């Protein structure tokens, strides 16, 4: 169960993940978080750097779906349309359901999907529970309240373990 909290990959930013990282692992699809992963929580559209990165990923033949815990589809829809991908909102991560829906939408088995997010207890845990690869990125925005900052502090040991694991595998 502790493995549910240890990412398979650690990157500074989503745009730092090369296509080769996915392809070398047999990844055919990615599940993307929006808030502080693709864009800052305060942004209504993804930055150009995220769009350019997603273009390279798609050019490599990798499909993508947004899976968000946002309760309203408005922002999720705008972001997803700007990226040209399907979306799922109210995913209830770390529940498996959003990941399972994404796999079905892409027509790809969960074991060939990498989920990318900025939070251990939602994105990473949900991905691992579902059988996906789990990739954590550092949050794009730091405009969070005290409880989010506290949760991030608790996540540090899990990220540290993952970083060491990744280094050993090189």
Protein backbone atom coordinates (compact mmCIF):
# COMPACT_ATOMS: atom_id res chain seq x y z
CA UNK A 1 0.00 0.00 0.00
CA UNK A 2 2.90 2.37 0.66
CA UNK A 3 3.83 1.92 -3.01
CA UNK A 4 0.65 3.84 -3.90
CA UNK A 5 2.42 7.02 -2.76
CA UNK A 6 5.76 6.55 -4.55
CA UNK A 7 5.86 8.05 -8.07
CA UNK A 8 7.54 6.19 -10.93
CA UNK A 9 8.96 9.44 -12.27
CA UNK A 10 9.83 12.87 -10.87
CA UNK A 11 10.20 15.93 -13.07
CA UNK A 12 10.48 19.65 -12.38
CA UNK A 13 7.77 20.53 -14.91
CA UNK A 14 5.45 18.60 -17.21
CA UNK A 15 7.33 20.13 -20.15
CA UNK A 16 10.53 18.45 -18.91
CA UNK A 17 9.19 14.95 -19.63
CA UNK A 18 10.59 13.85 -22.99
CA UNK A 19 8.59 11.73 -25.39
CA UNK A 20 11.33 9.10 -25.09
CA UNK A 21 10.52 8.63 -21.38
CA UNK A 22 7.02 7.46 -22.31
CA UNK A 23 8.01 5.47 -25.37
CA UNK A 24 10.79 3.56 -23.57
CA UNK A 25 8.17 2.34 -21.06
CA UNK A 26 5.58 1.34 -23.63
CA UNK A 27 3.29 4.21 -22.64
CA UNK A 28 0.58 4.83 -25.23
CA UNK A 29 -1.53 7.36 -23.35
CA UNK A 30 -1.29 9.98 -20.63
CA UNK A 31 -3.73 11.22 -18.05
CA UNK A 32 -3.14 14.88 -17.25
CA UNK A 33 -4.06 16.87 -14.18
CA UNK A 34 -4.70 20.56 -14.86
CA UNK A 35 -4.28 22.58 -11.68
CA UNK A 36 -0.62 23.38 -11.06
CA UNK A 37 0.41 20.63 -13.48
CA UNK A 38 -0.51 21.97 -16.93
CA UNK A 39 -1.27 25.49 -15.74
CA UNK A 40 -1.32 27.54 -12.57
CA UNK A 41 -4.56 27.30 -10.65
CA UNK A 42 -5.21 30.96 -11.43
CA UNK A 43 -4.82 30.56 -15.22
CA UNK A 44 -7.85 29.99 -17.44
CA UNK A 45 -5.88 28.63 -20.40
CA UNK A 46 -2.74 26.48 -20.64
CA UNK A 47 0.52 28.30 -21.28
CA UNK A 48 2.19 27.99 -24.68
CA UNK A 49 4.94 25.81 -23.18
CA UNK A 50 2.37 23.18 -22.14
CA UNK A 51 0.67 23.30 -25.54
CA UNK A 52 4.00 22.92 -27.35
CA UNK A 53 4.95 19.97 -25.11
CA UNK A 54 1.59 18.28 -25.69
CA UNK A 55 2.06 18.74 -29.44
CA UNK A 56 5.38 16.87 -29.28
CA UNK A 57 3.78 14.12 -27.19
CA UNK A 58 0.96 13.68 -29.70
CA UNK A 59 3.43 13.74 -32.61
CA UNK A 60 5.08 10.74 -30.92
CA UNK A 61 1.74 8.90 -31.14
CA UNK A 62 0.78 9.23 -27.48
CA UNK A 63 -2.87 9.99 -26.67
CA UNK A 64 -3.95 12.28 -23.83
CA UNK A 65 -7.00 12.87 -21.62
CA UNK A 66 -7.46 15.43 -18.83
CA UNK A 67 -8.71 13.97 -15.54
CA UNK A 68 -9.62 16.59 -12.97
CA UNK A 69 -11.20 16.71 -9.55
CA UNK A 70 -12.77 20.08 -10.39
CA UNK A 71 -16.45 20.02 -9.56
CA UNK A 72 -17.49 22.23 -12.49
CA UNK A 73 -16.61 21.52 -16.06
CA UNK A 74 -16.19 25.17 -17.18
CA UNK A 75 -12.47 25.65 -16.61
CA UNK A 76 -11.68 22.01 -17.33
CA UNK A 77 -13.58 22.26 -20.62
CA UNK A 78 -11.80 25.48 -21.67
CA UNK A 79 -8.37 24.03 -20.84
CA UNK A 80 -9.10 20.74 -22.57
CA UNK A 81 -10.49 22.39 -25.68
CA UNK A 82 -7.40 24.61 -25.89
CA UNK A 83 -5.27 21.45 -25.69
CA UNK A 84 -7.48 19.52 -28.12
CA UNK A 85 -8.08 16.63 -25.70
CA UNK A 86 -11.04 14.97 -24.05
CA UNK A 87 -11.70 15.58 -20.37
CA UNK A 88 -13.21 14.08 -17.27
CA UNK A 89 -14.18 16.26 -14.33
CA UNK A 90 -15.39 15.27 -10.85
CA UNK A 91 -12.94 12.38 -11.06
CA UNK A 92 -12.72 12.00 -7.27
CA UNK A 93 -9.00 11.18 -7.36
CA UNK A 94 -7.57 9.07 -5.79
CA UNK A 95 -10.56 6.98 -6.86
CA UNK A 96 -9.86 4.66 -9.78
CA UNK A 97 -12.93 5.74 -11.73
CA UNK A 98 -11.42 8.76 -13.53
CA UNK A 99 -8.40 6.73 -14.63
CA UNK A 100 -10.62 3.88 -15.79
CA UNK A 101 -12.83 6.28 -17.78
CA UNK A 102 -9.72 7.83 -19.36
CA UNK A 103 -8.37 4.41 -20.33
CA UNK A 104 -11.70 3.54 -21.94
CA UNK A 105 -11.86 6.90 -23.76
CA UNK A 106 -8.37 6.33 -25.20
CA UNK A 107 -8.89 2.62 -25.85
CA UNK A 108 -5.69 1.84 -23.96
CA UNK A 109 -5.13 -0.56 -21.02
CA UNK A 110 -4.32 1.13 -17.71
CA UNK A 111 -0.85 -0.47 -17.60
CA UNK A 112 0.07 1.47 -20.77
CA UNK A 113 -0.96 4.83 -19.32
CA UNK A 114 1.11 7.35 -17.38
CA UNK A 115 -0.74 9.77 -15.12
CA UNK A 116 0.92 13.12 -14.52
CA UNK A 117 0.07 15.38 -11.60
CA UNK A 118 1.42 17.55 -8.82
CA UNK A 119 -0.06 15.87 -5.74
CA UNK A 120 0.90 12.57 -4.10
CA UNK A 121 -2.39 11.93 -2.30
CA UNK A 122 -4.65 12.45 -5.31
CA UNK A 123 -2.81 12.13 -8.63
CA UNK A 124 -0.09 9.66 -7.71
CA UNK A 125 -2.13 7.50 -5.35
CA UNK A 126 -5.00 7.28 -7.84
CA UNK A 127 -2.67 6.39 -10.69
CA UNK A 128 -0.88 3.68 -8.74
CA UNK A 129 -4.12 2.20 -7.40
CA UNK A 130 -5.39 2.02 -10.98
CA UNK A 131 -2.29 0.29 -12.34
CA UNK A 132 -0.94 3.30 -14.26
CA UNK A 133 2.57 4.70 -14.21
CA UNK A 134 2.61 7.72 -11.92
CA UNK A 135 4.64 10.85 -12.62
CA UNK A 136 4.86 13.78 -10.23
CA UNK A 137 5.83 17.27 -11.27
CA UNK A 138 6.50 20.23 -9.03
CA UNK A 139 3.51 22.56 -8.87
CA UNK A 140 3.46 25.46 -11.31
CA UNK A 141 1.69 27.73 -8.85
CA UNK A 142 2.41 28.43 -5.24
CA UNK A 143 -0.74 30.46 -4.65
CA UNK A 144 -2.17 27.86 -2.28
CA UNK A 145 -3.70 28.12 1.16
CA UNK A 146 -2.14 26.86 4.38
CA UNK A 147 -3.67 23.36 4.18
CA UNK A 148 -2.28 22.79 0.68
CA UNK A 149 1.17 23.96 1.80
CA UNK A 150 0.97 21.58 4.78
CA UNK A 151 0.00 18.67 2.53
CA UNK A 152 2.90 19.50 0.21
CA UNK A 153 5.29 19.34 3.17
CA UNK A 154 3.99 15.86 4.00
CA UNK A 155 4.59 14.80 0.37
CA UNK A 156 8.32 15.62 0.46
CA UNK A 157 9.51 12.24 1.87
CA UNK A 158 7.58 10.32 -0.83
CA UNK A 159 9.09 12.46 -3.57
CA UNK A 160 12.54 11.96 -2.06
CA UNK A 161 12.12 8.16 -2.07
CA UNK A 162 10.94 8.30 -5.68
CA UNK A 163 13.89 10.45 -6.74
CA UNK A 164 16.32 7.94 -5.19
CA UNK A 165 14.48 5.04 -6.85
CA UNK A 166 14.69 6.76 -10.25
CA UNK A 167 18.43 7.40 -9.78
CA UNK A 168 19.04 3.71 -8.96
CA UNK A 169 17.21 2.66 -12.12
CA UNK A 170 19.41 4.78 -14.43
